[in-house]
Amino acid sequence: MVPEPALAAFLATVRSDAHDTVRALAAAVDAAGGDFEQRFTYKMLVYTLDARWHRWVVAISVNAKAVSLRFLFGQTLDDLAGVLRPGSTTAAFIDYPDGATVDAALVTSYVQEAVARHERG
């Protein structure tokens, strides 16, 4: 579970209509079972392994139009559902525009893959 202080600190900085989506994404990330450490940093709710904050695994961010699930090394994921949007040479995002429904099982599977690949690399 995301520590309440990290989640609360993040939610306090984002628009209120994004809160339900953020909570749904946080629960789906938590369900992936990674041994995550979480922190509100870089204006995102960031999840990492072994306190390697410069090599985080997944993060949740909010902008004016969407909530995004960000994978630092998302370009290496298989993306069988075709939902990842490239963000850089390494990163990829799943965007949830206002009103979109979070498919928790899909999010959990992508996070599990990201953790597995992260632990190998």
N, C-alpha and C. Protein backbone atom coordinates (compact mmCIF):
# COMPACT_ATOMS: atom_id res chain seq x y z
N MET A 1 0.84 -1.19 0.00
CA MET A 1 0.00 0.00 0.00
C MET A 1 0.88 1.24 0.00
N VAL A 2 0.49 2.24 -0.76
CA VAL A 2 1.23 3.51 -0.77
C VAL A 2 1.10 4.14 0.60
N PRO A 3 2.23 4.52 1.20
CA PRO A 3 2.14 5.18 2.50
C PRO A 3 1.25 6.41 2.40
N GLU A 4 0.35 6.55 3.33
CA GLU A 4 -0.59 7.67 3.30
C GLU A 4 0.10 9.02 3.17
N PRO A 5 1.23 9.27 3.87
CA PRO A 5 1.86 10.58 3.71
C PRO A 5 2.29 10.86 2.27
N ALA A 6 2.84 9.86 1.55
CA ALA A 6 3.27 10.07 0.16
C ALA A 6 2.05 10.31 -0.74
N LEU A 7 1.05 9.48 -0.60
CA LEU A 7 -0.16 9.63 -1.41
C LEU A 7 -0.86 10.95 -1.09
N ALA A 8 -1.00 11.25 0.17
CA ALA A 8 -1.67 12.49 0.58
C ALA A 8 -0.91 13.72 0.09
N ALA A 9 0.41 13.69 0.20
CA ALA A 9 1.22 14.81 -0.27
C ALA A 9 1.05 15.01 -1.77
N PHE A 10 1.02 13.92 -2.52
CA PHE A 10 0.83 14.01 -3.97
C PHE A 10 -0.55 14.53 -4.30
N LEU A 11 -1.58 13.95 -3.68
CA LEU A 11 -2.95 14.37 -3.97
C LEU A 11 -3.18 15.84 -3.64
N ALA A 12 -2.49 16.35 -2.64
CA ALA A 12 -2.64 17.75 -2.26
C ALA A 12 -2.15 18.71 -3.34
N THR A 13 -1.37 18.18 -4.29
CA THR A 13 -0.79 19.04 -5.33
C THR A 13 -1.49 18.93 -6.68
N VAL A 14 -2.43 17.99 -6.80
CA VAL A 14 -3.07 17.78 -8.11
C VAL A 14 -4.54 18.15 -8.06
N ARG A 15 -5.10 18.33 -9.24
CA ARG A 15 -6.51 18.72 -9.33
C ARG A 15 -7.41 17.63 -8.73
N SER A 16 -8.45 18.05 -8.03
CA SER A 16 -9.29 17.12 -7.28
C SER A 16 -10.03 16.12 -8.17
N ASP A 17 -10.34 16.48 -9.40
CA ASP A 17 -11.05 15.54 -10.27
C ASP A 17 -10.16 14.39 -10.74
N ALA A 18 -8.87 14.43 -10.44
CA ALA A 18 -7.95 13.35 -10.79
C ALA A 18 -7.74 12.38 -9.63
N HIS A 19 -8.24 12.71 -8.45
CA HIS A 19 -7.96 11.91 -7.26
C HIS A 19 -8.40 10.45 -7.39
N ASP A 20 -9.58 10.19 -7.91
CA ASP A 20 -10.06 8.81 -8.02
C ASP A 20 -9.17 7.99 -8.96
N THR A 21 -8.75 8.60 -10.06
CA THR A 21 -7.87 7.89 -11.00
C THR A 21 -6.53 7.62 -10.35
N VAL A 22 -5.98 8.59 -9.65
CA VAL A 22 -4.70 8.40 -8.96
C VAL A 22 -4.82 7.27 -7.95
N ARG A 23 -5.88 7.27 -7.17
CA ARG A 23 -6.06 6.21 -6.16
C ARG A 23 -6.19 4.83 -6.82
N ALA A 24 -6.92 4.76 -7.94
CA ALA A 24 -7.08 3.48 -8.65
C ALA A 24 -5.73 2.99 -9.19
N LEU A 25 -4.95 3.90 -9.75
CA LEU A 25 -3.63 3.52 -10.25
C LEU A 25 -2.70 3.09 -9.11
N ALA A 26 -2.73 3.82 -8.00
CA ALA A 26 -1.89 3.46 -6.86
C ALA A 26 -2.25 2.08 -6.33
N ALA A 27 -3.54 1.76 -6.28
CA ALA A 27 -3.96 0.43 -5.83
C ALA A 27 -3.51 -0.66 -6.80
N ALA A 28 -3.59 -0.38 -8.10
CA ALA A 28 -3.17 -1.37 -9.10
C ALA A 28 -1.65 -1.59 -9.06
N VAL A 29 -0.89 -0.52 -8.84
CA VAL A 29 0.56 -0.67 -8.69
C VAL A 29 0.86 -1.49 -7.45
N ASP A 30 0.19 -1.20 -6.36
CA ASP A 30 0.38 -1.94 -5.12
C ASP A 30 0.06 -3.42 -5.31
N ALA A 31 -0.96 -3.72 -6.09
CA ALA A 31 -1.37 -5.11 -6.32
C ALA A 31 -0.33 -5.89 -7.11
N ALA A 32 0.59 -5.19 -7.77
CA ALA A 32 1.64 -5.88 -8.55
C ALA A 32 2.61 -6.63 -7.64
N GLY A 33 2.65 -6.26 -6.37
CA GLY A 33 3.45 -7.00 -5.42
C GLY A 33 4.93 -6.67 -5.41
N GLY A 34 5.34 -5.63 -6.11
CA GLY A 34 6.75 -5.23 -6.06
C GLY A 34 7.11 -4.77 -4.66
N ASP A 35 8.33 -4.98 -4.28
CA ASP A 35 8.80 -4.53 -2.97
C ASP A 35 9.20 -3.07 -3.08
N PHE A 36 8.19 -2.24 -3.33
CA PHE A 36 8.42 -0.84 -3.65
C PHE A 36 8.65 0.04 -2.43
N GLU A 37 9.44 1.06 -2.66
CA GLU A 37 9.49 2.21 -1.79
C GLU A 37 8.80 3.31 -2.59
N GLN A 38 8.00 4.13 -1.91
CA GLN A 38 7.26 5.19 -2.59
C GLN A 38 7.62 6.54 -2.01
N ARG A 39 7.56 7.52 -2.89
CA ARG A 39 7.87 8.88 -2.44
C ARG A 39 7.19 9.88 -3.38
N PHE A 40 6.78 10.99 -2.83
CA PHE A 40 6.31 12.11 -3.63
C PHE A 40 7.55 12.94 -3.96
N THR A 41 7.99 12.84 -5.21
CA THR A 41 9.18 13.53 -5.66
C THR A 41 9.08 13.78 -7.15
N TYR A 42 9.84 14.70 -7.66
CA TYR A 42 9.78 15.05 -9.09
C TYR A 42 8.36 15.43 -9.52
N LYS A 43 7.53 15.90 -8.60
CA LYS A 43 6.11 16.25 -8.85
C LYS A 43 5.30 15.03 -9.27
N MET A 44 5.74 13.84 -8.84
CA MET A 44 5.06 12.59 -9.15
C MET A 44 5.03 11.70 -7.91
N LEU A 45 4.15 10.71 -7.93
CA LEU A 45 4.17 9.65 -6.93
C LEU A 45 5.04 8.56 -7.54
N VAL A 46 6.24 8.38 -7.00
CA VAL A 46 7.28 7.56 -7.61
C VAL A 46 7.48 6.27 -6.80
N TYR A 47 7.65 5.17 -7.54
CA TYR A 47 7.89 3.86 -6.96
C TYR A 47 9.25 3.36 -7.43
N THR A 48 10.06 2.91 -6.49
CA THR A 48 11.38 2.39 -6.85
C THR A 48 11.69 1.14 -6.04
N LEU A 49 12.76 0.50 -6.40
CA LEU A 49 13.26 -0.67 -5.68
C LEU A 49 14.63 -0.34 -5.11
N ASP A 50 14.90 -0.80 -3.92
CA ASP A 50 16.22 -0.65 -3.30
C ASP A 50 16.67 0.81 -3.21
N ALA A 51 15.75 1.72 -3.00
CA ALA A 51 16.05 3.15 -2.83
C ALA A 51 16.86 3.73 -3.98
N ARG A 52 16.69 3.19 -5.16
CA ARG A 52 17.40 3.68 -6.35
C ARG A 52 16.49 4.71 -7.04
N TRP A 53 16.41 5.90 -6.46
CA TRP A 53 15.46 6.92 -6.92
C TRP A 53 15.79 7.44 -8.31
N HIS A 54 17.03 7.37 -8.73
CA HIS A 54 17.38 7.82 -10.08
C HIS A 54 17.03 6.77 -11.13
N ARG A 55 16.68 5.57 -10.69
CA ARG A 55 16.26 4.49 -11.60
C ARG A 55 14.91 3.94 -11.14
N TRP A 56 13.95 4.85 -10.95
CA TRP A 56 12.63 4.44 -10.49
C TRP A 56 11.99 3.52 -11.52
N VAL A 57 10.98 2.78 -11.09
CA VAL A 57 10.32 1.80 -11.95
C VAL A 57 9.07 2.39 -12.59
N VAL A 58 8.19 2.94 -11.77
CA VAL A 58 6.91 3.45 -12.24
C VAL A 58 6.54 4.68 -11.42
N ALA A 59 5.76 5.56 -12.03
CA ALA A 59 5.34 6.78 -11.34
C ALA A 59 3.96 7.18 -11.85
N ILE A 60 3.27 7.96 -11.04
CA ILE A 60 1.97 8.51 -11.42
C ILE A 60 2.12 10.02 -11.46
N SER A 61 1.67 10.62 -12.56
CA SER A 61 1.71 12.08 -12.68
C SER A 61 0.36 12.58 -13.17
N VAL A 62 0.13 13.86 -12.97
CA VAL A 62 -1.14 14.48 -13.38
C VAL A 62 -0.81 15.77 -14.11
N ASN A 63 -1.48 15.98 -15.25
CA ASN A 63 -1.39 17.27 -15.92
C ASN A 63 -2.81 17.78 -16.14
N ALA A 64 -2.97 18.82 -16.92
CA ALA A 64 -4.28 19.45 -17.09
C ALA A 64 -5.30 18.56 -17.80
N LYS A 65 -4.84 17.60 -18.58
CA LYS A 65 -5.76 16.80 -19.38
C LYS A 65 -5.83 15.33 -19.01
N ALA A 66 -4.84 14.81 -18.28
CA ALA A 66 -4.81 13.37 -18.04
C ALA A 66 -4.00 13.04 -16.79
N VAL A 67 -4.22 11.82 -16.34
CA VAL A 67 -3.37 11.19 -15.33
C VAL A 67 -2.53 10.18 -16.09
N SER A 68 -1.24 10.14 -15.82
CA SER A 68 -0.36 9.24 -16.55
C SER A 68 0.34 8.27 -15.62
N LEU A 69 0.40 7.03 -16.06
CA LEU A 69 1.22 6.01 -15.42
C LEU A 69 2.49 5.96 -16.24
N ARG A 70 3.61 6.28 -15.61
CA ARG A 70 4.88 6.44 -16.32
C ARG A 70 5.82 5.30 -15.96
N PHE A 71 6.44 4.74 -16.96
CA PHE A 71 7.45 3.69 -16.76
C PHE A 71 8.78 4.25 -17.25
N LEU A 72 9.76 4.33 -16.36
CA LEU A 72 11.05 4.90 -16.73
C LEU A 72 11.67 4.15 -17.90
N PHE A 73 11.56 2.83 -17.89
CA PHE A 73 12.10 2.02 -18.98
C PHE A 73 10.97 1.33 -19.73
N GLY A 74 9.90 2.08 -19.98
CA GLY A 74 8.72 1.55 -20.63
C GLY A 74 8.93 1.12 -22.07
N GLN A 75 9.96 1.66 -22.73
CA GLN A 75 10.23 1.26 -24.11
C GLN A 75 10.66 -0.20 -24.21
N THR A 76 11.04 -0.80 -23.07
CA THR A 76 11.45 -2.22 -23.09
C THR A 76 10.29 -3.17 -22.82
N LEU A 77 9.13 -2.63 -22.46
CA LEU A 77 7.98 -3.49 -22.16
C LEU A 77 7.36 -4.02 -23.44
N ASP A 78 6.73 -5.18 -23.36
CA ASP A 78 6.15 -5.82 -24.54
C ASP A 78 4.95 -5.06 -25.11
N ASP A 79 4.16 -4.40 -24.29
CA ASP A 79 2.99 -3.63 -24.69
C ASP A 79 2.01 -4.42 -25.56
N LEU A 80 1.64 -5.59 -25.08
CA LEU A 80 0.73 -6.45 -25.83
C LEU A 80 -0.64 -5.81 -26.04
N ALA A 81 -1.06 -4.93 -25.14
CA ALA A 81 -2.35 -4.27 -25.28
C ALA A 81 -2.27 -3.01 -26.16
N GLY A 82 -1.07 -2.60 -26.51
CA GLY A 82 -0.91 -1.44 -27.38
C GLY A 82 -1.31 -0.12 -26.73
N VAL A 83 -1.07 0.02 -25.43
CA VAL A 83 -1.52 1.22 -24.72
C VAL A 83 -0.40 2.19 -24.35
N LEU A 84 0.84 1.80 -24.55
CA LEU A 84 1.96 2.66 -24.16
C LEU A 84 2.21 3.75 -25.19
N ARG A 85 2.45 4.96 -24.67
CA ARG A 85 2.83 6.09 -25.50
C ARG A 85 4.29 6.40 -25.21
N PRO A 86 5.14 6.45 -26.26
CA PRO A 86 6.54 6.78 -26.01
C PRO A 86 6.66 8.15 -25.37
N GLY A 87 7.58 8.26 -24.40
CA GLY A 87 7.79 9.54 -23.74
C GLY A 87 9.19 10.07 -23.94
N SER A 88 10.12 9.18 -24.23
CA SER A 88 11.51 9.54 -24.49
C SER A 88 12.17 8.31 -25.11
N THR A 89 13.48 8.32 -25.15
CA THR A 89 14.16 7.15 -25.70
C THR A 89 14.02 5.93 -24.81
N THR A 90 13.69 6.12 -23.53
CA THR A 90 13.52 4.99 -22.62
C THR A 90 12.13 4.91 -22.01
N ALA A 91 11.52 6.04 -21.72
CA ALA A 91 10.26 6.07 -20.98
C ALA A 91 9.04 5.84 -21.88
N ALA A 92 7.97 5.37 -21.25
CA ALA A 92 6.68 5.24 -21.93
C ALA A 92 5.59 5.46 -20.90
N PHE A 93 4.43 5.89 -21.38
CA PHE A 93 3.32 6.26 -20.50
C PHE A 93 2.04 5.56 -20.93
N ILE A 94 1.17 5.35 -19.96
CA ILE A 94 -0.23 5.01 -20.23
C ILE A 94 -1.02 6.21 -19.72
N ASP A 95 -1.74 6.87 -20.61
CA ASP A 95 -2.49 8.07 -20.25
C ASP A 95 -3.95 7.74 -19.98
N TYR A 96 -4.50 8.38 -18.97
CA TYR A 96 -5.91 8.25 -18.60
C TYR A 96 -6.54 9.64 -18.67
N PRO A 97 -7.14 9.96 -19.83
CA PRO A 97 -7.81 11.27 -19.95
C PRO A 97 -8.95 11.37 -18.94
N ASP A 98 -9.39 12.57 -18.68
CA ASP A 98 -10.50 12.79 -17.75
C ASP A 98 -11.65 11.85 -18.08
N GLY A 99 -12.14 11.18 -17.07
CA GLY A 99 -13.28 10.28 -17.22
C GLY A 99 -12.93 8.86 -17.65
N ALA A 100 -11.67 8.60 -17.95
CA ALA A 100 -11.27 7.25 -18.37
C ALA A 100 -11.30 6.29 -17.19
N THR A 101 -11.58 5.04 -17.48
CA THR A 101 -11.61 4.00 -16.46
C THR A 101 -10.26 3.29 -16.42
N VAL A 102 -9.77 3.03 -15.23
CA VAL A 102 -8.51 2.31 -15.04
C VAL A 102 -8.81 0.81 -15.06
N ASP A 103 -8.15 0.09 -15.97
CA ASP A 103 -8.21 -1.37 -15.99
C ASP A 103 -7.12 -1.85 -15.04
N ALA A 104 -7.51 -2.12 -13.80
CA ALA A 104 -6.54 -2.44 -12.75
C ALA A 104 -5.71 -3.68 -13.10
N ALA A 105 -6.32 -4.69 -13.67
CA ALA A 105 -5.59 -5.92 -14.02
C ALA A 105 -4.52 -5.62 -15.07
N LEU A 106 -4.85 -4.79 -16.04
CA LEU A 106 -3.88 -4.42 -17.07
C LEU A 106 -2.71 -3.65 -16.47
N VAL A 107 -3.02 -2.66 -15.63
CA VAL A 107 -1.97 -1.88 -14.98
C VAL A 107 -1.07 -2.78 -14.15
N THR A 108 -1.67 -3.66 -13.37
CA THR A 108 -0.89 -4.57 -12.53
C THR A 108 0.04 -5.43 -13.38
N SER A 109 -0.45 -5.93 -14.51
CA SER A 109 0.40 -6.79 -15.35
C SER A 109 1.58 -6.00 -15.94
N TYR A 110 1.35 -4.76 -16.35
CA TYR A 110 2.44 -3.94 -16.89
C TYR A 110 3.46 -3.63 -15.79
N VAL A 111 2.99 -3.34 -14.59
CA VAL A 111 3.90 -3.05 -13.48
C VAL A 111 4.70 -4.30 -13.13
N GLN A 112 4.07 -5.46 -13.12
CA GLN A 112 4.80 -6.69 -12.84
C GLN A 112 5.90 -6.93 -13.87
N GLU A 113 5.60 -6.69 -15.13
CA GLU A 113 6.62 -6.84 -16.17
C GLU A 113 7.75 -5.84 -15.97
N ALA A 114 7.40 -4.60 -15.64
CA ALA A 114 8.41 -3.57 -15.41
C ALA A 114 9.32 -3.94 -14.25
N VAL A 115 8.74 -4.48 -13.19
CA VAL A 115 9.55 -4.92 -12.04
C VAL A 115 10.47 -6.05 -12.45
N ALA A 116 9.96 -7.03 -13.17
CA ALA A 116 10.78 -8.18 -13.59
C ALA A 116 11.95 -7.72 -14.46
N ARG A 117 11.68 -6.83 -15.37
CA ARG A 117 12.75 -6.33 -16.25
C ARG A 117 13.72 -5.45 -15.47
N HIS A 118 13.21 -4.67 -14.55
CA HIS A 118 14.05 -3.79 -13.74
C HIS A 118 15.01 -4.59 -12.87
N GLU A 119 14.53 -5.66 -12.29
CA GLU A 119 15.36 -6.48 -11.41
C GLU A 119 16.47 -7.18 -12.19
N ARG A 120 16.23 -7.47 -13.46
CA ARG A 120 17.26 -8.11 -14.28
C ARG A 120 18.30 -7.11 -14.75
N GLY A 121 17.87 -5.84 -14.89
CA GLY A 121 18.79 -4.84 -15.46
C GLY A 121 19.25 -3.91 -14.44
